[in-house]
Structures are given as C-alpha cells and as structure tokens.
PDB file of N, CA and C in Angstrom:
ATOM      1  N   MET A   1      -3.707 -21.104  10.018  1.00  0.00           N
ATOM      2  CA  MET A   1      -3.331 -19.245   9.753  1.00  0.00           C
ATOM      3  C   MET A   1      -1.782 -19.687  10.267  1.00  0.00           C
ATOM      4  N   ALA A   2      -0.918 -18.765   9.661  1.00  0.00           N
ATOM      5  CA  ALA A   2       0.389 -18.713   9.806  1.00  0.00           C
ATOM      6  C   ALA A   2      -0.102 -17.399  10.820  1.00  0.00           C
ATOM      7  N   VAL A   3       0.171 -16.807  11.368  1.00  0.00           N
ATOM      8  CA  VAL A   3       1.338 -16.030  12.184  1.00  0.00           C
ATOM      9  C   VAL A   3       2.534 -14.840  11.331  1.00  0.00           C
ATOM     10  N   ARG A   4       1.643 -14.218  11.671  1.00  0.00           N
ATOM     11  CA  ARG A   4       2.521 -12.577  11.130  1.00  0.00           C
ATOM     12  C   ARG A   4       3.175 -11.931  12.417  1.00  0.00           C
ATOM     13  N   SER A   5       4.560 -11.866  11.998  1.00  0.00           N
ATOM     14  CA  SER A   5       4.789 -11.072  12.336  1.00  0.00           C
ATOM     15  C   SER A   5       5.792 -10.244  12.031  1.00  0.00           C
ATOM     16  N   PRO A   6       5.699  -8.462  11.917  1.00  0.00           N
ATOM     17  CA  PRO A   6       7.247  -7.093  11.343  1.00  0.00           C
ATOM     18  C   PRO A   6       8.593  -7.938  12.042  1.00  0.00           C
ATOM     19  N   ARG A   7       9.193  -7.468  10.529  1.00  0.00           N
ATOM     20  CA  ARG A   7      10.610  -8.325  10.784  1.00  0.00           C
ATOM     21  C   ARG A   7      11.950  -6.838  10.943  1.00  0.00           C
ATOM     22  N   TYR A   8      11.181  -5.571  10.525  1.00  0.00           N
ATOM     23  CA  TYR A   8      11.555  -4.378  10.855  1.00  0.00           C
ATOM     24  C   TYR A   8      10.901  -3.276  11.332  1.00  0.00           C
ATOM     25  N   SER A   9      11.305  -1.889  11.909  1.00  0.00           N
ATOM     26  CA  SER A   9      11.005  -1.182  12.996  1.00  0.00           C
ATOM     27  C   SER A   9      10.363  -0.336  12.179  1.00  0.00           C
ATOM     28  N   LYS A  10       9.390   0.261  12.512  1.00  0.00           N
ATOM     29  CA  LYS A  10       8.212   1.197  11.624  1.00  0.00           C
ATOM     30  C   LYS A  10       9.267   1.805  11.250  1.00  0.00           C
ATOM     31  N   GLU A  11      10.271   2.592  10.784  1.00  0.00           N
ATOM     32  CA  GLU A  11      10.880   3.382  10.826  1.00  0.00           C
ATOM     33  C   GLU A  11      11.122   2.717   8.669  1.00  0.00           C
ATOM     34  N   GLU A  12      11.833   2.048   9.613  1.00  0.00           N
ATOM     35  CA  GLU A  12      12.777   0.675   8.485  1.00  0.00           C
ATOM     36  C   GLU A  12      11.022  -0.481   6.968  1.00  0.00           C
ATOM     37  N   PHE A  13      10.216   0.076   7.787  1.00  0.00           N
ATOM     38  CA  PHE A  13       9.085  -0.421   6.841  1.00  0.00           C
ATOM     39  C   PHE A  13       8.336   0.830   5.889  1.00  0.00           C
ATOM     40  N   ALA A  14       8.310   1.987   7.401  1.00  0.00           N
ATOM     41  CA  ALA A  14       8.365   3.639   6.021  1.00  0.00           C
ATOM     42  C   ALA A  14       9.109   3.109   4.869  1.00  0.00           C
ATOM     43  N   LYS A  15      10.252   3.474   4.934  1.00  0.00           N
ATOM     44  CA  LYS A  15      11.159   3.482   4.905  1.00  0.00           C
ATOM     45  C   LYS A  15      11.095   3.279   2.886  1.00  0.00           C
ATOM     46  N   ARG A  16      11.555   1.528   2.784  1.00  0.00           N
ATOM     47  CA  ARG A  16      11.154   0.472   2.135  1.00  0.00           C
ATOM     48  C   ARG A  16      10.647   0.603   1.420  1.00  0.00           C
ATOM     49  N   GLY A  17       8.650   0.414   1.743  1.00  0.00           N
ATOM     50  CA  GLY A  17       7.825   0.624   2.212  1.00  0.00           C
ATOM     51  C   GLY A  17       7.982   2.273   0.317  1.00  0.00           C
ATOM     52  N   ASP A  18       7.416   3.427   1.014  1.00  0.00           N
ATOM     53  CA  ASP A  18       8.082   4.649   0.107  1.00  0.00           C
ATOM     54  C   ASP A  18       9.335   4.032  -0.548  1.00  0.00           C
ATOM     55  N   GLU A  19      10.432   3.916  -0.550  1.00  0.00           N
ATOM     56  CA  GLU A  19      10.913   4.106  -1.598  1.00  0.00           C
ATOM     57  C   GLU A  19      10.577   3.006  -2.563  1.00  0.00           C
ATOM     58  N   ILE A  20       9.934   1.796  -2.383  1.00  0.00           N
ATOM     59  CA  ILE A  20       9.904   0.976  -3.144  1.00  0.00           C
ATOM     60  C   ILE A  20       8.688   1.246  -4.809  1.00  0.00           C
ATOM     61  N   TYR A  21       7.796   1.503  -3.707  1.00  0.00           N
ATOM     62  CA  TYR A  21       6.158   1.856  -4.977  1.00  0.00           C
ATOM     63  C   TYR A  21       7.368   3.921  -5.568  1.00  0.00           C
ATOM     64  N   GLU A  22       7.821   4.669  -4.762  1.00  0.00           N
ATOM     65  CA  GLU A  22       7.605   5.691  -5.847  1.00  0.00           C
ATOM     66  C   GLU A  22       9.187   5.642  -7.389  1.00  0.00           C
ATOM     67  N   THR A  23       9.810   4.809  -7.414  1.00  0.00           N
ATOM     68  CA  THR A  23      11.495   3.644  -7.846  1.00  0.00           C
ATOM     69  C   THR A  23      10.501   3.114  -8.442  1.00  0.00           C
ATOM     70  N   HIS A  24       9.815   1.823  -8.368  1.00  0.00           N
ATOM     71  CA  HIS A  24       9.288   0.828  -8.637  1.00  0.00           C
ATOM     72  C   HIS A  24       7.688   0.766  -9.442  1.00  0.00           C
ATOM     73  N   VAL A  25       6.824   0.440  -8.462  1.00  0.00           N
ATOM     74  CA  VAL A  25       5.777   1.454  -8.133  1.00  0.00           C
ATOM     75  C   VAL A  25       4.456   1.832  -8.835  1.00  0.00           C
ATOM     76  N   ARG A  26       4.570   2.855  -8.832  1.00  0.00           N
ATOM     77  CA  ARG A  26       4.466   3.748  -9.187  1.00  0.00           C
ATOM     78  C   ARG A  26       4.433   4.389 -10.777  1.00  0.00           C
ATOM     79  N   PRO A  27       5.289   4.251 -11.589  1.00  0.00           N
ATOM     80  CA  PRO A  27       5.501   4.375 -12.421  1.00  0.00           C
ATOM     81  C   PRO A  27       4.262   3.261 -13.472  1.00  0.00           C
ATOM     82  N   GLN A  28       4.191   2.541 -12.860  1.00  0.00           N
ATOM     83  CA  GLN A  28       2.911   0.802 -13.590  1.00  0.00           C
ATOM     84  C   GLN A  28       2.248   0.956 -12.896  1.00  0.00           C
ATOM     85  N   VAL A  29       1.676   1.744 -12.069  1.00  0.00           N
ATOM     86  CA  VAL A  29       0.689   1.589 -11.907  1.00  0.00           C
ATOM     87  C   VAL A  29      -0.600   3.029 -12.081  1.00  0.00           C
ATOM     88  N   GLU A  30      -0.125   4.631 -11.856  1.00  0.00           N
ATOM     89  CA  GLU A  30      -0.432   5.519 -11.625  1.00  0.00           C
ATOM     90  C   GLU A  30      -1.151   5.977 -12.577  1.00  0.00           C
ATOM     91  N   SER A  31      -1.420   5.373 -13.778  1.00  0.00           N
ATOM     92  CA  SER A  31      -2.374   5.843 -14.601  1.00  0.00           C
ATOM     93  C   SER A  31      -3.456   5.825 -14.893  1.00  0.00           C
ATOM     94  N   GLU A  32      -3.488   3.906 -14.111  1.00  0.00           N
ATOM     95  CA  GLU A  32      -4.856   3.593 -14.701  1.00  0.00           C
ATOM     96  C   GLU A  32      -5.532   3.239 -13.347  1.00  0.00           C
ATOM     97  N   ASN A  33      -4.911   3.182 -12.441  1.00  0.00           N
ATOM     98  CA  ASN A  33      -5.295   2.802 -10.853  1.00  0.00           C
ATOM     99  C   ASN A  33      -5.835   3.567 -10.435  1.00  0.00           C
ATOM    100  N   HIS A  34      -6.003   5.619 -10.582  1.00  0.00           N
ATOM    101  CA  HIS A  34      -6.875   6.262  -9.448  1.00  0.00           C
ATOM    102  C   HIS A  34      -7.580   5.250  -8.533  1.00  0.00           C
ATOM    103  N   GLY A  35      -6.799   5.959  -6.891  1.00  0.00           N
ATOM    104  CA  GLY A  35      -7.463   6.117  -6.054  1.00  0.00           C
ATOM    105  C   GLY A  35      -7.641   4.047  -5.468  1.00  0.00           C
ATOM    106  N   LYS A  36      -7.314   3.391  -6.371  1.00  0.00           N
ATOM    107  CA  LYS A  36      -7.429   1.411  -5.321  1.00  0.00           C
ATOM    108  C   LYS A  36      -5.950   1.783  -5.190  1.00  0.00           C
ATOM    109  N   ILE A  37      -5.569   0.374  -4.411  1.00  0.00           N
ATOM    110  CA  ILE A  37      -4.960  -0.149  -3.221  1.00  0.00           C
ATOM    111  C   ILE A  37      -4.068  -0.877  -4.086  1.00  0.00           C
ATOM    112  N   VAL A  38      -2.720  -0.546  -3.337  1.00  0.00           N
ATOM    113  CA  VAL A  38      -1.935  -1.146  -3.942  1.00  0.00           C
ATOM    114  C   VAL A  38      -1.084  -1.562  -3.023  1.00  0.00           C
ATOM    115  N   ALA A  39      -0.684  -3.295  -2.366  1.00  0.00           N
ATOM    116  CA  ALA A  39       0.299  -3.899  -1.413  1.00  0.00           C
ATOM    117  C   ALA A  39       0.932  -4.242  -1.865  1.00  0.00           C
ATOM    118  N   ILE A  40       2.908  -3.752  -1.694  1.00  0.00           N
ATOM    119  CA  ILE A  40       3.428  -4.384  -1.335  1.00  0.00           C
ATOM    120  C   ILE A  40       4.840  -4.226  -0.885  1.00  0.00           C
ATOM    121  N   ASP A  41       5.180  -5.619  -0.716  1.00  0.00           N
ATOM    122  CA  ASP A  41       6.339  -6.336  -0.188  1.00  0.00           C
ATOM    123  C   ASP A  41       7.225  -6.586  -0.469  1.00  0.00           C
ATOM    124  N   ILE A  42       7.702  -5.284   0.798  1.00  0.00           N
ATOM    125  CA  ILE A  42       8.762  -3.899   1.426  1.00  0.00           C
ATOM    126  C   ILE A  42      10.389  -5.500   1.132  1.00  0.00           C
ATOM    127  N   GLU A  43      10.269  -6.963   1.398  1.00  0.00           N
ATOM    128  CA  GLU A  43      11.764  -7.157   0.753  1.00  0.00           C
ATOM    129  C   GLU A  43      11.305  -7.256  -0.411  1.00  0.00           C
ATOM    130  N   THR A  44      10.361  -7.945  -1.733  1.00  0.00           N
ATOM    131  CA  THR A  44      10.723  -8.863  -3.097  1.00  0.00           C
ATOM    132  C   THR A  44      10.411  -7.489  -4.112  1.00  0.00           C
ATOM    133  N   GLY A  45       9.698  -6.579  -3.472  1.00  0.00           N
ATOM    134  CA  GLY A  45       9.712  -5.695  -4.207  1.00  0.00           C
ATOM    135  C   GLY A  45       7.655  -6.095  -5.225  1.00  0.00           C
ATOM    136  N   ALA A  46       7.181  -7.114  -4.878  1.00  0.00           N
ATOM    137  CA  ALA A  46       6.232  -7.734  -5.666  1.00  0.00           C
ATOM    138  C   ALA A  46       4.656  -7.187  -5.349  1.00  0.00           C
ATOM    139  N   PHE A  47       3.896  -6.560  -5.355  1.00  0.00           N
ATOM    140  CA  PHE A  47       2.358  -5.993  -5.520  1.00  0.00           C
ATOM    141  C   PHE A  47       1.274  -6.350  -6.214  1.00  0.00           C
ATOM    142  N   GLU A  48      -0.143  -5.771  -5.537  1.00  0.00           N
ATOM    143  CA  GLU A  48      -0.853  -6.785  -5.892  1.00  0.00           C
ATOM    144  C   GLU A  48      -2.133  -4.709  -5.619  1.00  0.00           C
ATOM    145  N   VAL A  49      -2.603  -5.122  -7.176  1.00  0.00           N
ATOM    146  CA  VAL A  49      -3.523  -3.582  -6.621  1.00  0.00           C
ATOM    147  C   VAL A  49      -4.939  -4.363  -6.723  1.00  0.00           C
ATOM    148  N   ALA A  50      -5.617  -3.544  -5.929  1.00  0.00           N
ATOM    149  CA  ALA A  50      -7.090  -3.958  -6.072  1.00  0.00           C
ATOM    150  C   ALA A  50      -7.881  -2.974  -5.992  1.00  0.00           C
ATOM    151  N   ASP A  51      -9.140  -3.178  -6.058  1.00  0.00           N
ATOM    152  CA  ASP A  51     -10.304  -1.603  -5.082  1.00  0.00           C
ATOM    153  C   ASP A  51     -10.205  -2.432  -2.967  1.00  0.00           C
ATOM    154  N   GLN A  52      -9.381  -2.671  -2.367  1.00  0.00           N
ATOM    155  CA  GLN A  52      -9.869  -2.618  -0.966  1.00  0.00           C
ATOM    156  C   GLN A  52      -8.874  -2.936  -0.803  1.00  0.00           C
ATOM    157  N   ILE A  53      -8.213  -3.236   0.996  1.00  0.00           N
ATOM    158  CA  ILE A  53      -6.918  -3.880   1.211  1.00  0.00           C
ATOM    159  C   ILE A  53      -6.798  -5.018   1.611  1.00  0.00           C
ATOM    160  N   LEU A  54      -8.211  -5.575   2.189  1.00  0.00           N
ATOM    161  CA  LEU A  54      -8.331  -7.144   2.010  1.00  0.00           C
ATOM    162  C   LEU A  54      -7.985  -8.260   1.359  1.00  0.00           C
ATOM    163  N   THR A  55      -8.070  -7.432  -0.013  1.00  0.00           N
ATOM    164  CA  THR A  55      -7.980  -8.835  -1.275  1.00  0.00           C
ATOM    165  C   THR A  55      -6.933  -8.050  -1.654  1.00  0.00           C
ATOM    166  N   ALA A  56      -6.313  -6.441  -2.118  1.00  0.00           N
ATOM    167  CA  ALA A  56      -4.981  -6.525  -2.165  1.00  0.00           C
ATOM    168  C   ALA A  56      -4.264  -7.244  -1.336  1.00  0.00           C
ATOM    169  N   THR A  57      -4.321  -7.697  -0.275  1.00  0.00           N
ATOM    170  CA  THR A  57      -2.587  -8.353   0.516  1.00  0.00           C
ATOM    171  C   THR A  57      -3.144  -9.637   0.380  1.00  0.00           C
ATOM    172  N   GLY A  58      -4.904  -9.636   0.802  1.00  0.00           N
ATOM    173  CA  GLY A  58      -5.857 -11.149   0.625  1.00  0.00           C
ATOM    174  C   GLY A  58      -4.024 -12.003  -1.056  1.00  0.00           C
ATOM    175  N   SER A  59      -4.184 -11.266  -2.379  1.00  0.00           N
ATOM    176  CA  SER A  59      -3.722 -11.509  -2.817  1.00  0.00           C
ATOM    177  C   SER A  59      -2.442 -11.795  -3.282  1.00  0.00           C
ATOM    178  N   LEU A  60      -1.620 -11.021  -2.379  1.00  0.00           N
ATOM    179  CA  LEU A  60      -0.538 -11.313  -2.026  1.00  0.00           C
ATOM    180  C   LEU A  60       0.586 -12.389  -0.869  1.00  0.00           C
ATOM    181  N   PHE A  61      -0.300 -12.683   0.451  1.00  0.00           N
ATOM    182  CA  PHE A  61      -0.164 -13.532   0.585  1.00  0.00           C
ATOM    183  C   PHE A  61       0.081 -14.687  -0.529  1.00  0.00           C
ATOM    184  N   LYS A  62      -1.390 -14.731  -1.190  1.00  0.00           N
ATOM    185  CA  LYS A  62      -1.722 -16.400  -1.722  1.00  0.00           C
ATOM    186  C   LYS A  62      -0.301 -16.281  -2.311  1.00  0.00           C
ATOM    187  N   ARG A  63       0.203 -14.985  -3.389  1.00  0.00           N
ATOM    188  CA  ARG A  63       1.776 -15.742  -4.030  1.00  0.00           C
ATOM    189  C   ARG A  63       3.049 -15.679  -3.337  1.00  0.00           C
ATOM    190  N   LEU A  64       2.516 -15.303  -2.035  1.00  0.00           N
ATOM    191  CA  LEU A  64       3.875 -14.093  -1.118  1.00  0.00           C
ATOM    192  C   LEU A  64       3.597 -15.162   0.184  1.00  0.00           C
ATOM    193  N   PRO A  65       3.570 -16.769   0.920  1.00  0.00           N
ATOM    194  CA  PRO A  65       2.965 -16.858   2.084  1.00  0.00           C
ATOM    195  C   PRO A  65       3.715 -15.711   3.461  1.00  0.00           C
ATOM    196  N   ASP A  66       4.928 -14.747   3.105  1.00  0.00           N
ATOM    197  CA  ASP A  66       5.295 -14.718   3.922  1.00  0.00           C
ATOM    198  C   ASP A  66       6.083 -13.654   3.777  1.00  0.00           C
ATOM    199  N   ALA A  67       5.092 -12.559   2.859  1.00  0.00           N
ATOM    200  CA  ALA A  67       5.479 -11.257   3.207  1.00  0.00           C
ATOM    201  C   ALA A  67       4.890 -10.349   3.758  1.00  0.00           C
ATOM    202  N   GLN A  68       5.414  -8.771   3.844  1.00  0.00           N
ATOM    203  CA  GLN A  68       5.483  -7.638   4.327  1.00  0.00           C
ATOM    204  C   GLN A  68       4.732  -6.607   4.158  1.00  0.00           C
ATOM    205  N   PRO A  69       3.698  -6.681   3.791  1.00  0.00           N
ATOM    206  CA  PRO A  69       2.885  -6.302   2.765  1.00  0.00           C
ATOM    207  C   PRO A  69       3.005  -3.797   3.329  1.00  0.00           C
ATOM    208  N   TRP A  70       3.739  -3.363   2.301  1.00  0.00           N
ATOM    209  CA  TRP A  70       2.982  -1.553   2.618  1.00  0.00           C
ATOM    210  C   TRP A  70       2.163  -1.369   1.539  1.00  0.00           C
ATOM    211  N   ILE A  71       0.797  -0.371   3.110  1.00  0.00           N
ATOM    212  CA  ILE A  71      -0.037   0.334   1.427  1.00  0.00           C
ATOM    213  C   ILE A  71      -0.145   0.685   0.653  1.00  0.00           C
ATOM    214  N   VAL A  72      -0.073   1.277  -0.052  1.00  0.00           N
ATOM    215  CA  VAL A  72      -0.838   2.497  -0.441  1.00  0.00           C
ATOM    216  C   VAL A  72      -1.810   3.183  -1.337  1.00  0.00           C
ATOM    217  N   ARG A  73      -2.734   3.811  -1.368  1.00  0.00           N
ATOM    218  CA  ARG A  73      -3.838   4.379  -1.439  1.00  0.00           C
ATOM    219  C   ARG A  73      -3.049   5.050  -2.833  1.00  0.00           C
ATOM    220  N   ILE A  74      -3.437   4.188  -4.157  1.00  0.00           N
ATOM    221  CA  ILE A  74      -2.517   5.175  -5.571  1.00  0.00           C
ATOM    222  C   ILE A  74      -3.106   6.748  -5.615  1.00  0.00           C
ATOM    223  N   GLY A  75      -2.567   7.968  -6.702  1.00  0.00           N
ATOM    224  CA  GLY A  75      -2.517   8.937  -6.244  1.00  0.00           C
ATOM    225  C   GLY A  75      -3.004   9.882  -5.215  1.00  0.00           C
ATOM    226  N   TYR A  76      -3.466   8.781  -3.507  1.00  0.00           N
ATOM    227  CA  TYR A  76      -3.592   9.765  -2.869  1.00  0.00           C
ATOM    228  C   TYR A  76      -2.504   9.560  -2.158  1.00  0.00           C
ATOM    229  N   ARG A  77      -2.252  10.627  -0.990  1.00  0.00           N
ATOM    230  CA  ARG A  77      -1.313  10.398   0.320  1.00  0.00           C
ATOM    231  C   ARG A  77      -1.252   9.279   1.252  1.00  0.00           C
ATOM    232  N   ALA A  78      -2.504   9.336   1.575  1.00  0.00           N
ATOM    233  CA  ALA A  78      -3.147   8.841   2.605  1.00  0.00           C
ATOM    234  C   ALA A  78      -3.777   7.985   2.350  1.00  0.00           C
ATOM    235  N   VAL A  79      -3.901   6.044   2.671  1.00  0.00           N
ATOM    236  CA  VAL A  79      -4.836   5.319   2.618  1.00  0.00           C
ATOM    237  C   VAL A  79      -6.720   5.878   2.490  1.00  0.00           C
ATOM    238  N   HIS A  80      -6.320   6.098   4.657  1.00  0.00           N
ATOM    239  CA  HIS A  80      -7.679   6.234   5.070  1.00  0.00           C
ATOM    240  C   HIS A  80      -7.773   7.719   5.116  1.00  0.00           C
ATOM    241  N   ARG A  81      -8.645   8.632   5.610  1.00  0.00           N
ATOM    242  CA  ARG A  81      -9.172  10.121   6.738  1.00  0.00           C
ATOM    243  C   ARG A  81      -9.948   9.655   7.805  1.00  0.00           C
ATOM    244  N   PHE A  82      -9.574  10.472   8.299  1.00  0.00           N
ATOM    245  CA  PHE A  82     -10.367  11.215   9.570  1.00  0.00           C
ATOM    246  C   PHE A  82     -10.561  11.789   9.448  1.00  0.00           C
ATOM    247  N   GLY A  83     -11.107  11.897  10.364  1.00  0.00           N
ATOM    248  CA  GLY A  83     -11.932  13.436  10.482  1.00  0.00           C
ATOM    249  C   GLY A  83     -13.014  13.549  10.035  1.00  0.00           C
ATOM    250  N   ALA A  84     -14.008  15.056  10.122  1.00  0.00           N
ATOM    251  CA  ALA A  84     -15.124  15.646   9.250  1.00  0.00           C
ATOM    252  C   ALA A  84     -13.720  16.597   8.585  1.00  0.00           C
ATOM    253  N   ARG A  85     -14.784  16.985   7.266  1.00  0.00           N
ATOM    254  CA  ARG A  85     -14.688  18.117   6.640  1.00  0.00           C
ATOM    255  C   ARG A  85     -15.712  18.727   5.936  1.00  0.00           C
ATOM    256  N   SER A  86     -14.644  19.333   5.682  1.00  0.00           N
ATOM    257  CA  SER A  86     -15.366  20.726   5.537  1.00  0.00           C
ATOM    258  C   SER A  86     -16.717  20.719   3.922  1.00  0.00           C
ATOM    259  N   LEU A  87     -17.642  20.975   3.808  1.00  0.00           N
ATOM    260  CA  LEU A  87     -17.980  20.879   1.956  1.00  0.00           C
ATOM    261  C   LEU A  87     -17.694  22.249   1.763  1.00  0.00           C
ATOM    262  N   LYS A  88     -18.097  23.207   2.550  1.00  0.00           N
ATOM    263  CA  LYS A  88     -17.824  24.738   2.563  1.00  0.00           C
ATOM    264  C   LYS A  88     -16.511  24.911   1.019  1.00  0.00           C
ATOM    265  N   LYS A  89     -16.165  25.011  -0.180  1.00  0.00           N
ATOM    266  CA  LYS A  89     -15.570  25.203  -0.861  1.00  0.00           C
ATOM    267  C   LYS A  89     -14.537  26.726  -0.360  1.00  0.00           C
ATOM    268  N   PRO A  90     -12.890  26.506  -0.185  1.00  0.00           N
ATOM    269  CA  PRO A  90     -11.942  27.771   0.644  1.00  0.00           C
ATOM    270  C   PRO A  90     -12.694  28.996   0.260  1.00  0.00           C
ATOM    271  N   LEU A  91     -11.319  30.171   0.549  1.00  0.00           N
ATOM    272  CA  LEU A  91     -12.390  31.168  -0.125  1.00  0.00           C
ATOM    273  C   LEU A  91     -10.907  31.615  -0.829  1.00  0.00           C
TER     274      LEU A  91
END
C-alpha cells in the first residue's frame, strides 16, 4: 500500500479544489447527483462520483494512484454536518 502525503499547503489545496469544482466539475455533476460525493484530483482535474467518500476516493486512486483528492458533497456547503440541529421550524 502506497503512503500518500499532501504536496500542497491546506490553503493551496482548498483553493485548487474549489476552483476545479466550481469551473469544471460542478456543471457536469450537479443536476443529477445532489447529495452524492465527488472526489477531485487537484492536479489533473479528474473526478469520481459515488454515494460514499471511500468509494469515490477509492475509484479515483485506482485511476490515479498518486492523486491529491479534494472531496465535495454535491449541492451542499460541507461534506459532513457537526453538532445538533433543531427540529423546530424557524419563526
């Protein structure tokens, strides 16, 4: 099993990932994949869509063993939600 390590700072990683998602990937995947996960290689722009993070990244690593994956949940601001939420509707 290959040892993978990031080649970019967190800021550069996020900048590249967001830019590729917004300009290239989002127009291709958003309409039919709401709520699914997309794993994007920030160096090549290659991506994989799946229901789970491990499935998406696993498919990406099969194609590109040295990939630097950026993960996005399609149609959401974050991949995961932390903390509680109220079941009451806001006034």
